[in-house]
Amino acid sequence: ACWPARRAVATAGLPHFLDKEWMAVGPSGRAGEVMWVSFTDFTLDATGTPVSSSIKAVRCNPALSSCTDPILVSGRDQQTTFSDVTVGPDGRTYLSWVQFLGSPETGQRMVLKLRVAPPGSTQFGPARIVATEPKPAGAFLHANSFRVATIPKNDVKLVHGHPRVFVVWEGCRTSIFGVCEEPR
């Protein structure tokens, strides 16, 4: 009842698989009230295993009667996932994600990135590196068998009239045989 209209904002057929969507709603400059949906577009091989991925986003009006085509946000980055989108109090759109570097067998790192679109715009500025997580949580916690992953979340607050971006994420002090010891 609270969503009287629904619409698929992005679709894909094989070898693509859309997953890990996130959304935000808020006023954005001349565009007025908008809804953003960000997601990961995985490309699969013949066995169904992801071989690459990219972060995309779609902006719609609140009635879902008009949406953009999917916008590539992660550029040439490969092995990306875990996007998070926020419409800030300044009307800008903030979109963060992670890019995996290395392999799980040799020690994977995550680079946390962020792009910002001006109020009312669907054009994002350059990618900025927020941080590199050398020991991402991508395993089980040592206290139980609960699976965890490093997923950055962002929020924006006005501090003395200026937007301040906050990004938080999970990590491990060490990982032994796929078990996250001392999560942080």
C-alpha atoms as a PDB file:
ATOM      1  CA  ALA A   1       0.000   0.000   0.000  1.00  0.00           C
ATOM      2  CA  CYS A   2       2.872   2.417   0.648  1.00  0.00           C
ATOM      3  CA  TRP A   3       4.300   1.779  -2.858  1.00  0.00           C
ATOM      4  CA  PRO A   4       1.218   2.105  -5.093  1.00  0.00           C
ATOM      5  CA  ALA A   5       3.317   2.062  -8.270  1.00  0.00           C
ATOM      6  CA  ARG A   6       6.298  -0.107  -8.946  1.00  0.00           C
ATOM      7  CA  ARG A   7       8.738  -0.206 -11.792  1.00  0.00           C
ATOM      8  CA  ALA A   8      11.846  -2.132 -12.699  1.00  0.00           C
ATOM      9  CA  VAL A   9      14.494   0.594 -12.884  1.00  0.00           C
ATOM     10  CA  ALA A  10      17.103  -1.732 -14.425  1.00  0.00           C
ATOM     11  CA  THR A  11      16.985  -5.170 -16.008  1.00  0.00           C
ATOM     12  CA  ALA A  12      19.625  -7.464 -17.465  1.00  0.00           C
ATOM     13  CA  GLY A  13      19.807 -10.827 -19.153  1.00  0.00           C
ATOM     14  CA  LEU A  14      22.608 -13.342 -19.030  1.00  0.00           C
ATOM     15  CA  PRO A  15      25.571 -13.040 -18.817  1.00  0.00           C
ATOM     16  CA  HIS A  16      24.688 -10.104 -16.514  1.00  0.00           C
ATOM     17  CA  PHE A  17      23.322 -10.363 -12.984  1.00  0.00           C
ATOM     18  CA  LEU A  18      22.171  -7.246 -11.077  1.00  0.00           C
ATOM     19  CA  ASP A  19      22.550  -7.416  -7.295  1.00  0.00           C
ATOM     20  CA  LYS A  20      23.338  -5.538  -4.085  1.00  0.00           C
ATOM     21  CA  GLU A  21      20.999  -2.624  -4.741  1.00  0.00           C
ATOM     22  CA  TRP A  22      20.658   0.374  -2.458  1.00  0.00           C
ATOM     23  CA  MET A  23      18.436   3.436  -2.673  1.00  0.00           C
ATOM     24  CA  ALA A  24      18.053   6.945  -1.324  1.00  0.00           C
ATOM     25  CA  VAL A  25      15.404   9.642  -1.678  1.00  0.00           C
ATOM     26  CA  GLY A  26      15.763  13.384  -1.211  1.00  0.00           C
ATOM     27  CA  PRO A  27      15.549  16.856  -2.738  1.00  0.00           C
ATOM     28  CA  SER A  28      18.258  17.509  -5.341  1.00  0.00           C
ATOM     29  CA  GLY A  29      18.446  21.030  -6.739  1.00  0.00           C
ATOM     30  CA  ARG A  30      16.282  21.831  -9.772  1.00  0.00           C
ATOM     31  CA  ALA A  31      15.373  18.141 -10.147  1.00  0.00           C
ATOM     32  CA  GLY A  32      13.301  18.418  -6.951  1.00  0.00           C
ATOM     33  CA  GLU A  33      12.566  15.223  -5.029  1.00  0.00           C
ATOM     34  CA  VAL A  34      14.437  12.275  -6.577  1.00  0.00           C
ATOM     35  CA  MET A  35      15.045   8.607  -5.902  1.00  0.00           C
ATOM     36  CA  TRP A  36      18.437   7.059  -6.654  1.00  0.00           C
ATOM     37  CA  VAL A  37      19.045   3.312  -6.926  1.00  0.00           C
ATOM     38  CA  SER A  38      22.619   2.028  -7.114  1.00  0.00           C
ATOM     39  CA  PHE A  39      23.569  -1.585  -7.797  1.00  0.00           C
ATOM     40  CA  THR A  40      26.310  -3.950  -8.925  1.00  0.00           C
ATOM     41  CA  ASP A  41      26.203  -5.284 -12.488  1.00  0.00           C
ATOM     42  CA  PHE A  42      28.035  -8.640 -12.408  1.00  0.00           C
ATOM     43  CA  THR A  43      29.203 -10.239 -15.663  1.00  0.00           C
ATOM     44  CA  LEU A  44      29.161 -14.047 -15.411  1.00  0.00           C
ATOM     45  CA  ASP A  45      31.129 -16.708 -17.281  1.00  0.00           C
ATOM     46  CA  ALA A  46      29.545 -19.851 -18.733  1.00  0.00           C
ATOM     47  CA  THR A  47      29.579 -21.545 -15.288  1.00  0.00           C
ATOM     48  CA  GLY A  48      27.791 -18.628 -13.602  1.00  0.00           C
ATOM     49  CA  THR A  49      30.918 -17.355 -11.838  1.00  0.00           C
ATOM     50  CA  PRO A  50      31.381 -13.545 -11.753  1.00  0.00           C
ATOM     51  CA  VAL A  51      34.346 -12.483 -13.896  1.00  0.00           C
ATOM     52  CA  SER A  52      33.896  -8.718 -13.642  1.00  0.00           C
ATOM     53  CA  SER A  53      31.528  -6.175 -12.159  1.00  0.00           C
ATOM     54  CA  SER A  54      30.672  -2.494 -12.294  1.00  0.00           C
ATOM     55  CA  ILE A  55      28.655  -0.043 -10.226  1.00  0.00           C
ATOM     56  CA  LYS A  56      25.688   1.607 -11.903  1.00  0.00           C
ATOM     57  CA  ALA A  57      22.947   3.969 -10.744  1.00  0.00           C
ATOM     58  CA  VAL A  58      19.509   5.081 -11.914  1.00  0.00           C
ATOM     59  CA  ARG A  59      17.689   8.287 -10.933  1.00  0.00           C
ATOM     60  CA  CYS A  60      13.876   8.374 -10.932  1.00  0.00           C
ATOM     61  CA  ASN A  61      11.176  10.826  -9.995  1.00  0.00           C
ATOM     62  CA  PRO A  62       9.184   9.874  -6.859  1.00  0.00           C
ATOM     63  CA  ALA A  63       6.281   8.482  -8.920  1.00  0.00           C
ATOM     64  CA  LEU A  64       8.703   6.174 -10.778  1.00  0.00           C
ATOM     65  CA  SER A  65       7.154   7.417 -14.024  1.00  0.00           C
ATOM     66  CA  SER A  66      10.489   8.676 -15.339  1.00  0.00           C
ATOM     67  CA  CYS A  67      13.919   7.100 -14.773  1.00  0.00           C
ATOM     68  CA  THR A  68      17.302   7.550 -16.397  1.00  0.00           C
ATOM     69  CA  ASP A  69      19.029   4.715 -18.173  1.00  0.00           C
ATOM     70  CA  PRO A  70      21.634   3.037 -15.937  1.00  0.00           C
ATOM     71  CA  ILE A  71      24.624   5.333 -15.400  1.00  0.00           C
ATOM     72  CA  LEU A  72      28.080   3.738 -15.116  1.00  0.00           C
ATOM     73  CA  VAL A  73      29.578   5.153 -11.916  1.00  0.00           C
ATOM     74  CA  SER A  74      32.651   2.964 -11.316  1.00  0.00           C
ATOM     75  CA  GLY A  75      34.313   3.795 -14.654  1.00  0.00           C
ATOM     76  CA  ARG A  76      37.004   1.301 -15.695  1.00  0.00           C
ATOM     77  CA  ASP A  77      37.256  -0.255 -12.230  1.00  0.00           C
ATOM     78  CA  GLN A  78      36.948  -4.033 -12.275  1.00  0.00           C
ATOM     79  CA  GLN A  79      35.787  -6.254  -9.413  1.00  0.00           C
ATOM     80  CA  THR A  80      33.525  -3.677  -7.759  1.00  0.00           C
ATOM     81  CA  THR A  81      30.541  -4.120  -5.452  1.00  0.00           C
ATOM     82  CA  PHE A  82      28.749  -2.844  -2.333  1.00  0.00           C
ATOM     83  CA  SER A  83      27.532   0.548  -3.550  1.00  0.00           C
ATOM     84  CA  ASP A  84      25.787   2.958  -1.192  1.00  0.00           C
ATOM     85  CA  VAL A  85      23.984   6.105  -2.340  1.00  0.00           C
ATOM     86  CA  THR A  86      22.943   9.168  -0.336  1.00  0.00           C
ATOM     87  CA  VAL A  87      21.144  12.371  -1.331  1.00  0.00           C
ATOM     88  CA  GLY A  88      22.820  14.872   0.987  1.00  0.00           C
ATOM     89  CA  PRO A  89      21.233  17.848   2.714  1.00  0.00           C
ATOM     90  CA  ASP A  90      23.071  20.031   0.177  1.00  0.00           C
ATOM     91  CA  GLY A  91      21.190  18.335  -2.711  1.00  0.00           C
ATOM     92  CA  ARG A  92      24.287  16.528  -3.998  1.00  0.00           C
ATOM     93  CA  THR A  93      24.268  12.800  -4.656  1.00  0.00           C
ATOM     94  CA  TYR A  94      27.056  10.824  -2.960  1.00  0.00           C
ATOM     95  CA  LEU A  95      27.796   7.305  -4.180  1.00  0.00           C
ATOM     96  CA  SER A  96      30.431   5.031  -2.607  1.00  0.00           C
ATOM     97  CA  TRP A  97      31.583   1.503  -3.493  1.00  0.00           C
ATOM     98  CA  VAL A  98      34.531  -0.860  -3.095  1.00  0.00           C
ATOM     99  CA  GLN A  99      37.002  -2.121  -5.653  1.00  0.00           C
ATOM    100  CA  PHE A 100      38.754  -5.410  -4.873  1.00  0.00           C
ATOM    101  CA  LEU A 101      42.501  -5.609  -5.511  1.00  0.00           C
ATOM    102  CA  GLY A 102      44.406  -8.884  -5.382  1.00  0.00           C
ATOM    103  CA  SER A 103      42.929 -12.314  -4.883  1.00  0.00           C
ATOM    104  CA  PRO A 104      41.487 -13.947  -1.761  1.00  0.00           C
ATOM    105  CA  GLU A 105      44.277 -16.546  -1.927  1.00  0.00           C
ATOM    106  CA  THR A 106      47.105 -13.984  -1.840  1.00  0.00           C
ATOM    107  CA  GLY A 107      45.542 -11.329   0.379  1.00  0.00           C
ATOM    108  CA  GLN A 108      42.738  -9.223  -0.987  1.00  0.00           C
ATOM    109  CA  ARG A 109      42.474  -5.499  -0.297  1.00  0.00           C
ATOM    110  CA  MET A 110      39.498  -3.204  -0.784  1.00  0.00           C
ATOM    111  CA  VAL A 111      39.750   0.340  -2.076  1.00  0.00           C
ATOM    112  CA  LEU A 112      36.778   2.425  -0.909  1.00  0.00           C
ATOM    113  CA  LYS A 113      35.798   5.042  -3.492  1.00  0.00           C
ATOM    114  CA  LEU A 114      33.329   7.921  -3.723  1.00  0.00           C
ATOM    115  CA  ARG A 115      31.867  10.069  -6.497  1.00  0.00           C
ATOM    116  CA  VAL A 116      29.649  13.113  -6.086  1.00  0.00           C
ATOM    117  CA  ALA A 117      27.047  14.575  -8.476  1.00  0.00           C
ATOM    118  CA  PRO A 118      26.059  18.254  -8.129  1.00  0.00           C
ATOM    119  CA  PRO A 119      22.495  19.122  -7.018  1.00  0.00           C
ATOM    120  CA  GLY A 120      19.977  18.154  -9.714  1.00  0.00           C
ATOM    121  CA  SER A 121      22.627  16.499 -11.905  1.00  0.00           C
ATOM    122  CA  THR A 122      23.136  12.931 -13.083  1.00  0.00           C
ATOM    123  CA  GLN A 123      26.775  13.659 -13.985  1.00  0.00           C
ATOM    124  CA  PHE A 124      29.204  12.463 -11.305  1.00  0.00           C
ATOM    125  CA  GLY A 125      32.545  14.126 -10.633  1.00  0.00           C
ATOM    126  CA  PRO A 126      35.842  12.243 -10.481  1.00  0.00           C
ATOM    127  CA  ALA A 127      36.293   9.160  -8.317  1.00  0.00           C
ATOM    128  CA  ARG A 128      37.979   9.825  -4.988  1.00  0.00           C
ATOM    129  CA  ILE A 129      39.730   7.220  -2.893  1.00  0.00           C
ATOM    130  CA  VAL A 130      38.314   7.353   0.640  1.00  0.00           C
ATOM    131  CA  ALA A 131      40.533   4.648   2.132  1.00  0.00           C
ATOM    132  CA  THR A 132      42.132   1.277   1.503  1.00  0.00           C
ATOM    133  CA  GLU A 133      41.127  -1.589   3.778  1.00  0.00           C
ATOM    134  CA  PRO A 134      44.054  -4.044   3.889  1.00  0.00           C
ATOM    135  CA  LYS A 135      42.135  -6.700   5.831  1.00  0.00           C
ATOM    136  CA  PRO A 136      38.512  -6.697   4.702  1.00  0.00           C
ATOM    137  CA  ALA A 137      35.963  -8.762   6.557  1.00  0.00           C
ATOM    138  CA  GLY A 138      34.931 -11.337   4.013  1.00  0.00           C
ATOM    139  CA  ALA A 139      34.701 -14.403   6.140  1.00  0.00           C
ATOM    140  CA  PHE A 140      33.173 -15.728   9.331  1.00  0.00           C
ATOM    141  CA  LEU A 141      33.527 -14.096  12.744  1.00  0.00           C
ATOM    142  CA  HIS A 142      35.645 -16.099  15.184  1.00  0.00           C
ATOM    143  CA  ALA A 143      32.946 -16.012  17.895  1.00  0.00           C
ATOM    144  CA  ASN A 144      30.360 -17.849  15.760  1.00  0.00           C
ATOM    145  CA  SER A 145      29.600 -18.909  12.215  1.00  0.00           C
ATOM    146  CA  PHE A 146      27.997 -15.608  11.213  1.00  0.00           C
ATOM    147  CA  ARG A 147      29.232 -14.515   7.766  1.00  0.00           C
ATOM    148  CA  VAL A 148      30.314 -10.883   7.417  1.00  0.00           C
ATOM    149  CA  ALA A 149      31.612  -8.632   4.632  1.00  0.00           C
ATOM    150  CA  THR A 150      33.202  -5.198   4.438  1.00  0.00           C
ATOM    151  CA  ILE A 151      30.424  -2.949   3.149  1.00  0.00           C
ATOM    152  CA  PRO A 152      30.994   0.829   3.231  1.00  0.00           C
ATOM    153  CA  LYS A 153      28.070   3.016   4.211  1.00  0.00           C
ATOM    154  CA  ASN A 154      28.046   6.781   3.697  1.00  0.00           C
ATOM    155  CA  ASP A 155      26.098   9.679   5.091  1.00  0.00           C
ATOM    156  CA  VAL A 156      26.382  13.453   4.749  1.00  0.00           C
ATOM    157  CA  LYS A 157      25.730  16.084   7.388  1.00  0.00           C
ATOM    158  CA  LEU A 158      26.087  19.856   7.226  1.00  0.00           C
ATOM    159  CA  VAL A 159      28.782  20.995   9.655  1.00  0.00           C
ATOM    160  CA  HIS A 160      28.967  24.804  10.013  1.00  0.00           C
ATOM    161  CA  GLY A 161      27.148  25.074   6.671  1.00  0.00           C
ATOM    162  CA  HIS A 162      29.526  22.748   4.778  1.00  0.00           C
ATOM    163  CA  PRO A 163      28.794  19.166   3.737  1.00  0.00           C
ATOM    164  CA  ARG A 164      30.816  16.598   5.693  1.00  0.00           C
ATOM    165  CA  VAL A 165      30.930  13.065   4.289  1.00  0.00           C
ATOM    166  CA  PHE A 166      31.135  10.159   6.731  1.00  0.00           C
ATOM    167  CA  VAL A 167      32.049   6.684   5.447  1.00  0.00           C
ATOM    168  CA  VAL A 168      32.195   3.696   7.795  1.00  0.00           C
ATOM    169  CA  TRP A 169      33.113   0.053   7.121  1.00  0.00           C
ATOM    170  CA  GLU A 170      34.188  -3.192   8.730  1.00  0.00           C
ATOM    171  CA  GLY A 171      37.605  -4.842   8.779  1.00  0.00           C
ATOM    172  CA  CYS A 172      39.573  -7.544  10.574  1.00  0.00           C
ATOM    173  CA  ARG A 173      42.747  -7.249  12.606  1.00  0.00           C
ATOM    174  CA  THR A 174      43.705 -10.618  11.120  1.00  0.00           C
ATOM    175  CA  SER A 175      42.107 -13.478   9.207  1.00  0.00           C
ATOM    176  CA  ILE A 176      43.111 -17.082   9.834  1.00  0.00           C
ATOM    177  CA  PHE A 177      41.825 -19.817   7.500  1.00  0.00           C
ATOM    178  CA  GLY A 178      38.906 -17.630   6.404  1.00  0.00           C
ATOM    179  CA  VAL A 179      37.900 -16.681   9.939  1.00  0.00           C
ATOM    180  CA  CYS A 180      37.887 -12.974  10.878  1.00  0.00           C
ATOM    181  CA  GLU A 181      39.776 -12.585  14.153  1.00  0.00           C
ATOM    182  CA  GLU A 182      39.109  -9.448  16.160  1.00  0.00           C
ATOM    183  CA  PRO A 183      36.744  -7.561  13.839  1.00  0.00           C
ATOM    184  CA  ARG A 184      36.970  -3.782  13.878  1.00  0.00           C
END
